[in-house]
Amino acid sequence: MALLAIDWGPVSTWAAAVATFLAALIAILVALGVFDSFRAPRIRVTFEDREPWTRAGSLGETSAYWVRVGIENVGRRAARGCVGRLTGLATDDAPRRDVDPVQLRWAGMPRSRSFEPIDLRPGQREFLNVLVRAGEDRWRIVTFDDPDFDPGFATELAVLQTHVIQVAVFADNAETVVSTLQVDGRRSENRVELSLVAHV
């Protein structure tokens, strides 16, 4: 019985050419950063109406109530240079034109470094201070409070009103995340809600 001889020469040549082409294509796509989105850092903003998002403490000799948002990197690479800013504000459904965007302060850091950009490693969560109430009648936006900062507008908000605060988190290598924090002080107890509204 005679065996048929198959000449694989041309097929192997074509297979080698296809493999070379695919390897070159993948190398180009990697160089262009096409696959970076699968491993990129992703910032998530969280809030719950309990500690550590809300915290009773003190401010000097006065008792205080802090409202913070959690900023977490749920991606696979470090998010570099993260900064949080208050970018918009509405009171009782009316947009506030009298308040400019201001930088917010990171919690859990020395005051001298609390406005510096921070890096968030994968799985790391930090807190961004948004509001503090010292006393009963006013919220205060947690931003610069040194003599060098003169915003030209009031950084205090009445407690017995509803405020919708837009918070944006920027990073050098991640998409900006914009969230809204609603503070409703017209109820018998404070109600603070957070909802993610957009990725810019």
Protein backbone atom coordinates (compact mmCIF):
# COMPACT_ATOMS: atom_id res chain seq x y z
CA MET A 1 0.00 0.00 0.00
CA ALA A 2 1.50 3.30 -1.09
CA LEU A 3 1.34 6.29 1.27
CA LEU A 4 0.51 9.66 -0.19
CA ALA A 5 3.28 12.17 0.31
CA ILE A 6 2.07 15.69 1.20
CA ASP A 7 4.26 18.63 0.47
CA TRP A 8 3.83 21.07 3.41
CA GLY A 9 6.39 23.49 2.05
CA PRO A 10 4.05 26.23 0.76
CA VAL A 11 1.59 25.80 3.68
CA SER A 12 4.33 26.14 6.28
CA THR A 13 5.63 29.21 4.50
CA TRP A 14 2.17 30.79 4.58
CA ALA A 15 1.69 29.84 8.24
CA ALA A 16 5.02 31.45 9.15
CA ALA A 17 4.09 34.60 7.24
CA VAL A 18 0.70 34.86 8.98
CA ALA A 19 2.30 34.31 12.41
CA THR A 20 4.90 37.00 11.68
CA PHE A 21 2.20 39.43 10.54
CA LEU A 22 0.07 38.80 13.65
CA ALA A 23 3.08 39.25 15.95
CA ALA A 24 3.95 42.55 14.24
CA LEU A 25 0.32 43.72 14.42
CA ILE A 26 0.08 42.93 18.15
CA ALA A 27 3.38 44.73 18.78
CA ILE A 28 2.08 47.83 16.98
CA LEU A 29 -1.21 47.76 18.91
CA VAL A 30 0.66 47.43 22.22
CA ALA A 31 2.95 50.32 21.26
CA LEU A 32 -0.10 52.46 20.42
CA GLY A 33 -1.64 51.65 23.81
CA VAL A 34 -4.74 49.93 22.42
CA PHE A 35 -4.74 47.35 25.23
CA ASP A 36 -4.00 49.88 27.99
CA SER A 37 -7.69 50.37 28.71
CA PHE A 38 -7.91 46.78 29.96
CA ARG A 39 -5.21 47.44 32.56
CA ALA A 40 -5.81 51.15 33.14
CA PRO A 41 -6.62 52.60 36.56
CA ARG A 42 -10.33 53.22 37.17
CA ILE A 43 -11.52 55.57 39.86
CA ARG A 44 -14.75 54.88 41.71
CA VAL A 45 -16.44 57.33 44.09
CA THR A 46 -18.43 55.85 46.97
CA PHE A 47 -20.61 57.11 49.77
CA GLU A 48 -22.67 55.57 52.57
CA ASP A 49 -24.46 57.41 55.33
CA ARG A 50 -22.27 55.92 58.04
CA GLU A 51 -18.67 55.93 59.22
CA PRO A 52 -16.09 56.36 57.78
CA TRP A 53 -17.90 58.41 55.09
CA THR A 54 -19.51 60.51 57.79
CA ARG A 55 -17.58 61.19 60.95
CA ALA A 56 -18.40 62.92 64.22
CA GLY A 57 -15.34 64.61 65.64
CA SER A 58 -14.07 67.99 66.64
CA LEU A 59 -12.77 71.12 65.00
CA GLY A 60 -10.69 72.92 67.57
CA GLU A 61 -12.82 72.99 70.70
CA THR A 62 -16.11 72.66 68.79
CA SER A 63 -17.82 69.38 67.98
CA ALA A 64 -18.00 68.77 64.24
CA TYR A 65 -19.67 66.49 61.72
CA TRP A 66 -17.66 65.60 58.61
CA VAL A 67 -19.04 64.42 55.26
CA ARG A 68 -16.53 62.70 52.95
CA VAL A 69 -16.58 60.63 49.78
CA GLY A 70 -14.49 57.52 49.24
CA ILE A 71 -12.15 57.55 46.26
CA GLU A 72 -11.06 54.06 45.22
CA ASN A 73 -8.91 52.71 42.39
CA VAL A 74 -10.65 49.60 41.05
CA GLY A 75 -8.31 49.27 38.06
CA ARG A 76 -5.14 47.24 37.62
CA ARG A 77 -2.58 50.05 37.63
CA ALA A 78 -1.87 52.92 39.99
CA ALA A 79 -3.86 56.10 39.41
CA ARG A 80 -1.30 58.90 39.53
CA GLY A 81 -1.80 62.49 40.62
CA CYS A 82 -5.38 62.27 41.92
CA VAL A 83 -7.00 65.58 42.87
CA GLY A 84 -10.57 66.21 44.05
CA ARG A 85 -12.48 69.40 43.32
CA LEU A 86 -15.91 70.81 43.98
CA THR A 87 -16.95 71.77 40.44
CA GLY A 88 -20.60 72.75 40.85
CA LEU A 89 -23.22 73.55 43.44
CA ALA A 90 -27.00 74.01 43.49
CA THR A 91 -29.09 75.09 46.48
CA ASP A 92 -32.79 74.26 46.56
CA ASP A 93 -32.63 73.32 42.85
CA ALA A 94 -31.08 76.68 41.85
CA PRO A 95 -27.54 76.57 40.38
CA ARG A 96 -25.13 78.71 42.38
CA ARG A 97 -23.26 81.14 40.13
CA ASP A 98 -21.63 82.72 43.16
CA VAL A 99 -19.42 79.71 43.97
CA ASP A 100 -16.33 78.91 41.90
CA PRO A 101 -14.68 75.47 41.61
CA VAL A 102 -12.40 74.81 44.57
CA GLN A 103 -9.99 72.05 45.48
CA LEU A 104 -11.03 69.70 48.29
CA ARG A 105 -8.82 68.30 51.03
CA TRP A 106 -7.75 64.67 51.45
CA ALA A 107 -8.60 63.16 54.83
CA GLY A 108 -6.07 61.34 56.98
CA MET A 109 -3.08 63.48 55.99
CA PRO A 110 -1.16 66.30 57.62
CA ARG A 111 -2.78 69.61 56.78
CA SER A 112 0.41 70.74 55.02
CA ARG A 113 0.08 67.90 52.47
CA SER A 114 -3.69 67.40 52.29
CA PHE A 115 -4.11 69.34 49.02
CA GLU A 116 -1.25 67.65 47.17
CA PRO A 117 -2.09 65.15 44.39
CA ILE A 118 -1.92 61.55 45.59
CA ASP A 119 -1.34 58.20 43.90
CA LEU A 120 -3.90 55.44 44.43
CA ARG A 121 -2.64 51.90 44.03
CA PRO A 122 -4.99 49.14 42.82
CA GLY A 123 -7.54 48.44 45.55
CA GLN A 124 -6.55 51.49 47.59
CA ARG A 125 -9.27 53.77 48.98
CA GLU A 126 -8.82 57.24 50.43
CA PHE A 127 -11.36 59.80 51.61
CA LEU A 128 -11.95 63.28 50.30
CA ASN A 129 -13.43 65.79 52.73
CA VAL A 130 -16.37 67.67 51.23
CA LEU A 131 -18.29 69.35 54.07
CA VAL A 132 -17.91 69.93 57.79
CA ARG A 133 -20.48 71.30 60.20
CA ALA A 134 -19.12 72.87 63.36
CA GLY A 135 -22.08 74.12 65.35
CA GLU A 136 -25.67 73.84 64.21
CA ASP A 137 -26.48 76.36 61.51
CA ARG A 138 -23.83 76.18 58.73
CA TRP A 139 -21.99 73.66 56.56
CA ARG A 140 -18.52 74.66 55.43
CA ILE A 141 -16.84 73.45 52.23
CA VAL A 142 -13.58 71.76 53.22
CA THR A 143 -11.10 73.71 51.14
CA PHE A 144 -8.19 76.05 51.79
CA ASP A 145 -8.62 78.04 54.98
CA ASP A 146 -5.27 79.80 55.23
CA PRO A 147 -4.79 83.57 54.88
CA ASP A 148 -3.35 83.17 51.37
CA PHE A 149 -6.67 81.84 50.04
CA ASP A 150 -9.20 84.53 49.20
CA PRO A 151 -11.94 82.89 47.10
CA GLY A 152 -14.09 85.99 46.77
CA PHE A 153 -17.23 84.04 47.77
CA ALA A 154 -18.65 82.43 50.88
CA THR A 155 -17.62 78.82 51.51
CA GLU A 156 -20.47 78.26 53.98
CA LEU A 157 -23.86 76.70 53.25
CA ALA A 158 -27.05 76.88 55.30
CA VAL A 159 -27.97 73.62 57.03
CA LEU A 160 -31.74 74.02 56.57
CA GLN A 161 -31.56 73.85 52.76
CA THR A 162 -30.93 71.18 50.17
CA HIS A 163 -27.54 71.36 48.47
CA VAL A 164 -26.44 69.31 45.46
CA ILE A 165 -22.66 69.31 45.24
CA GLN A 166 -20.77 68.18 42.16
CA VAL A 167 -17.43 66.57 42.96
CA ALA A 168 -14.88 65.69 40.27
CA VAL A 169 -11.79 63.52 40.72
CA PHE A 170 -8.98 64.07 38.21
CA ALA A 171 -5.90 61.89 37.64
CA ASP A 172 -2.93 61.96 35.27
CA ASN A 173 -3.68 58.55 33.77
CA ALA A 174 -7.36 57.78 34.47
CA GLU A 175 -10.70 59.09 33.29
CA THR A 176 -12.21 61.91 35.29
CA VAL A 177 -15.11 60.82 37.49
CA VAL A 178 -17.89 63.31 38.28
CA SER A 179 -20.37 62.60 41.08
CA THR A 180 -23.11 64.46 42.89
CA LEU A 181 -23.57 64.56 46.63
CA GLN A 182 -26.99 65.65 47.90
CA VAL A 183 -27.26 67.10 51.39
CA ASP A 184 -30.85 67.59 52.53
CA GLY A 185 -31.02 69.54 55.78
CA ARG A 186 -34.76 70.21 55.73
CA ARG A 187 -35.50 66.89 57.41
CA SER A 188 -35.41 66.15 61.10
CA GLU A 189 -32.05 64.44 60.62
CA ASN A 190 -29.35 64.94 58.00
CA ARG A 191 -29.77 62.92 54.87
CA VAL A 192 -26.75 62.68 52.61
CA GLU A 193 -26.89 60.80 49.33
CA LEU A 194 -24.36 60.24 46.59
CA SER A 195 -25.08 59.24 43.03
CA LEU A 196 -22.64 58.81 40.17
CA VAL A 197 -23.83 60.85 37.24
CA ALA A 198 -21.12 60.79 34.58
CA HIS A 199 -17.63 59.79 33.53
CA VAL A 200 -16.10 62.72 31.65
